[in-house]
Amino acid sequence: MQPSDLELYTTQELVAELMRRTTFLGVVVHSEQELKNQDWPGEQVFKVHFNSNLDTAQAGRLLDVVAGHMDRQP
């Protein structure tokens, strides 16, 4: 797949493909609305997805670890 091929898919289609994969072990966080430009228009609503490879508690712990790591970044 060429990088430009990804442009042909919506965020929903890409997330759905990841959720179908039994090898995917993680969490996807994305903006509820598609952002077509580089400007961040203030507050955003996000969606969180995880598949059956993680339960709710595991997904929450993973997000907590990621948040802690982000806090330590300069």
N, C-alpha and C. Protein backbone atom coordinates (compact mmCIF):
# COMPACT_ATOMS: atom_id res chain seq x y z
N MET A 1 0.85 -1.18 0.00
CA MET A 1 0.00 0.00 0.00
C MET A 1 0.89 1.24 0.00
N GLN A 2 0.61 2.14 -0.88
CA GLN A 2 1.33 3.40 -0.94
C GLN A 2 0.75 4.36 0.10
N PRO A 3 1.59 5.25 0.67
CA PRO A 3 1.06 6.20 1.66
C PRO A 3 -0.13 7.00 1.15
N SER A 4 -0.12 7.33 -0.13
CA SER A 4 -1.23 8.12 -0.68
C SER A 4 -2.52 7.30 -0.73
N ASP A 5 -2.42 5.97 -0.70
CA ASP A 5 -3.62 5.13 -0.70
C ASP A 5 -4.47 5.36 0.55
N LEU A 6 -3.84 5.70 1.67
CA LEU A 6 -4.59 5.94 2.90
C LEU A 6 -5.52 7.12 2.77
N GLU A 7 -5.19 8.05 1.92
CA GLU A 7 -6.02 9.23 1.73
C GLU A 7 -7.38 8.88 1.15
N LEU A 8 -7.51 7.70 0.59
CA LEU A 8 -8.76 7.28 -0.03
C LEU A 8 -9.77 6.74 0.97
N TYR A 9 -9.35 6.56 2.23
CA TYR A 9 -10.21 5.98 3.25
C TYR A 9 -10.57 7.01 4.31
N THR A 10 -11.76 6.87 4.85
CA THR A 10 -12.18 7.76 5.93
C THR A 10 -11.57 7.25 7.24
N THR A 11 -11.58 8.11 8.23
CA THR A 11 -11.10 7.71 9.55
C THR A 11 -11.90 6.51 10.06
N GLN A 12 -13.20 6.55 9.86
CA GLN A 12 -14.07 5.45 10.33
C GLN A 12 -13.67 4.13 9.68
N GLU A 13 -13.37 4.16 8.39
CA GLU A 13 -12.98 2.93 7.70
C GLU A 13 -11.64 2.40 8.21
N LEU A 14 -10.70 3.30 8.46
CA LEU A 14 -9.39 2.88 8.97
C LEU A 14 -9.50 2.31 10.37
N VAL A 15 -10.28 2.95 11.24
CA VAL A 15 -10.47 2.46 12.59
C VAL A 15 -11.17 1.10 12.56
N ALA A 16 -12.19 0.97 11.74
CA ALA A 16 -12.92 -0.31 11.63
C ALA A 16 -11.98 -1.43 11.19
N GLU A 17 -11.08 -1.14 10.27
CA GLU A 17 -10.11 -2.15 9.82
C GLU A 17 -9.21 -2.58 10.97
N LEU A 18 -8.71 -1.63 11.76
CA LEU A 18 -7.88 -1.99 12.92
C LEU A 18 -8.66 -2.83 13.92
N MET A 19 -9.90 -2.48 14.18
CA MET A 19 -10.70 -3.20 15.16
C MET A 19 -10.99 -4.62 14.73
N ARG A 20 -11.02 -4.88 13.42
CA ARG A 20 -11.26 -6.23 12.90
C ARG A 20 -10.03 -7.13 13.06
N ARG A 21 -8.85 -6.53 13.15
CA ARG A 21 -7.61 -7.31 13.16
C ARG A 21 -7.37 -7.95 14.52
N THR A 22 -7.22 -9.27 14.51
CA THR A 22 -6.98 -9.98 15.77
C THR A 22 -5.58 -9.71 16.29
N THR A 23 -4.69 -9.19 15.45
CA THR A 23 -3.33 -8.88 15.89
C THR A 23 -3.21 -7.49 16.50
N PHE A 24 -4.27 -6.69 16.42
CA PHE A 24 -4.22 -5.33 16.97
C PHE A 24 -4.47 -5.38 18.47
N LEU A 25 -3.51 -4.86 19.22
CA LEU A 25 -3.63 -4.77 20.66
C LEU A 25 -3.32 -3.34 21.04
N GLY A 26 -4.35 -2.54 21.17
CA GLY A 26 -4.13 -1.14 21.47
C GLY A 26 -5.43 -0.38 21.51
N VAL A 27 -5.27 0.93 21.55
CA VAL A 27 -6.40 1.85 21.64
C VAL A 27 -6.24 2.89 20.55
N VAL A 28 -7.32 3.23 19.89
CA VAL A 28 -7.31 4.30 18.89
C VAL A 28 -8.11 5.46 19.46
N VAL A 29 -7.49 6.64 19.46
CA VAL A 29 -8.16 7.86 19.89
C VAL A 29 -8.15 8.80 18.70
N HIS A 30 -9.31 9.30 18.32
CA HIS A 30 -9.37 10.22 17.19
C HIS A 30 -10.44 11.27 17.41
N SER A 31 -10.27 12.37 16.72
CA SER A 31 -11.24 13.46 16.79
C SER A 31 -12.57 12.98 16.21
N GLU A 32 -13.66 13.39 16.85
CA GLU A 32 -14.98 13.02 16.35
C GLU A 32 -15.22 13.58 14.95
N GLN A 33 -14.72 14.79 14.71
CA GLN A 33 -14.88 15.41 13.40
C GLN A 33 -13.58 15.31 12.62
N GLU A 34 -13.70 15.12 11.32
CA GLU A 34 -12.53 15.10 10.45
C GLU A 34 -11.92 16.49 10.42
N LEU A 35 -10.63 16.58 10.63
CA LEU A 35 -9.94 17.87 10.55
C LEU A 35 -9.13 17.88 9.25
N LYS A 36 -9.51 18.71 8.34
CA LYS A 36 -8.88 18.75 7.03
C LYS A 36 -7.72 19.73 6.95
N ASN A 37 -7.53 20.55 8.00
CA ASN A 37 -6.43 21.51 7.97
C ASN A 37 -5.58 21.35 9.22
N GLN A 38 -4.53 22.11 9.32
CA GLN A 38 -3.61 22.00 10.44
C GLN A 38 -4.06 22.81 11.66
N ASP A 39 -5.05 23.67 11.52
CA ASP A 39 -5.51 24.49 12.64
C ASP A 39 -6.32 23.67 13.63
N TRP A 40 -6.02 23.84 14.90
CA TRP A 40 -6.78 23.17 15.96
C TRP A 40 -7.82 24.16 16.46
N PRO A 41 -9.09 23.92 16.17
CA PRO A 41 -10.12 24.92 16.47
C PRO A 41 -10.61 24.92 17.92
N GLY A 42 -9.74 24.82 18.89
CA GLY A 42 -10.16 24.86 20.29
C GLY A 42 -10.50 23.49 20.81
N GLU A 43 -11.56 23.40 21.61
CA GLU A 43 -11.94 22.13 22.22
C GLU A 43 -12.43 21.15 21.16
N GLN A 44 -12.12 19.89 21.41
CA GLN A 44 -12.54 18.83 20.49
C GLN A 44 -13.18 17.69 21.28
N VAL A 45 -14.03 16.95 20.62
CA VAL A 45 -14.60 15.73 21.18
C VAL A 45 -13.86 14.57 20.53
N PHE A 46 -13.45 13.61 21.35
CA PHE A 46 -12.69 12.48 20.84
C PHE A 46 -13.47 11.19 21.03
N LYS A 47 -13.16 10.23 20.18
CA LYS A 47 -13.71 8.89 20.30
C LYS A 47 -12.56 7.94 20.63
N VAL A 48 -12.85 6.95 21.45
CA VAL A 48 -11.87 5.95 21.84
C VAL A 48 -12.40 4.59 21.40
N HIS A 49 -11.55 3.82 20.74
CA HIS A 49 -11.93 2.49 20.26
C HIS A 49 -10.91 1.47 20.75
N PHE A 50 -11.40 0.31 21.13
CA PHE A 50 -10.53 -0.84 21.39
C PHE A 50 -11.35 -2.08 21.07
N ASN A 51 -10.65 -3.14 20.67
CA ASN A 51 -11.38 -4.35 20.28
C ASN A 51 -11.37 -5.37 21.41
N SER A 52 -11.81 -6.56 21.13
CA SER A 52 -11.98 -7.57 22.17
C SER A 52 -10.65 -8.11 22.70
N ASN A 53 -9.54 -7.68 22.14
CA ASN A 53 -8.23 -8.09 22.67
C ASN A 53 -7.93 -7.41 24.00
N LEU A 54 -8.63 -6.33 24.32
CA LEU A 54 -8.48 -5.63 25.59
C LEU A 54 -9.86 -5.50 26.23
N ASP A 55 -9.91 -5.59 27.56
CA ASP A 55 -11.18 -5.26 28.21
C ASP A 55 -11.12 -3.79 28.62
N THR A 56 -12.20 -3.29 29.17
CA THR A 56 -12.29 -1.87 29.51
C THR A 56 -11.20 -1.44 30.48
N ALA A 57 -10.95 -2.25 31.49
CA ALA A 57 -9.93 -1.91 32.49
C ALA A 57 -8.53 -1.87 31.86
N GLN A 58 -8.22 -2.82 30.99
CA GLN A 58 -6.92 -2.83 30.33
C GLN A 58 -6.75 -1.61 29.42
N ALA A 59 -7.80 -1.27 28.69
CA ALA A 59 -7.74 -0.10 27.82
C ALA A 59 -7.54 1.17 28.65
N GLY A 60 -8.22 1.26 29.78
CA GLY A 60 -8.06 2.41 30.66
C GLY A 60 -6.65 2.52 31.21
N ARG A 61 -6.06 1.39 31.61
CA ARG A 61 -4.68 1.41 32.12
C ARG A 61 -3.70 1.82 31.02
N LEU A 62 -3.93 1.33 29.80
CA LEU A 62 -3.07 1.70 28.69
C LEU A 62 -3.13 3.21 28.44
N LEU A 63 -4.33 3.77 28.44
CA LEU A 63 -4.47 5.21 28.24
C LEU A 63 -3.81 5.99 29.38
N ASP A 64 -3.89 5.46 30.60
CA ASP A 64 -3.26 6.11 31.74
C ASP A 64 -1.74 6.13 31.59
N VAL A 65 -1.17 5.03 31.12
CA VAL A 65 0.28 4.97 30.89
C VAL A 65 0.69 5.96 29.80
N VAL A 66 -0.08 6.01 28.73
CA VAL A 66 0.22 6.96 27.64
C VAL A 66 0.14 8.39 28.14
N ALA A 67 -0.89 8.71 28.93
CA ALA A 67 -1.04 10.07 29.47
C ALA A 67 0.14 10.41 30.37
N GLY A 68 0.58 9.47 31.19
CA GLY A 68 1.73 9.70 32.05
C GLY A 68 3.00 9.95 31.25
N HIS A 69 3.16 9.21 30.18
CA HIS A 69 4.33 9.39 29.31
C HIS A 69 4.29 10.77 28.64
N MET A 70 3.11 11.18 28.22
CA MET A 70 2.98 12.50 27.57
C MET A 70 3.30 13.62 28.54
N ASP A 71 2.94 13.45 29.82
CA ASP A 71 3.24 14.46 30.83
C ASP A 71 4.73 14.63 31.03
N ARG A 72 5.53 13.60 30.80
CA ARG A 72 6.97 13.67 30.99
C ARG A 72 7.73 14.21 29.79
N GLN A 73 7.04 14.37 28.66
CA GLN A 73 7.69 14.88 27.44
C GLN A 73 7.88 16.39 27.54
N PRO A 74 9.03 16.88 27.05
CA PRO A 74 9.26 18.35 27.09
C PRO A 74 8.34 19.11 26.18
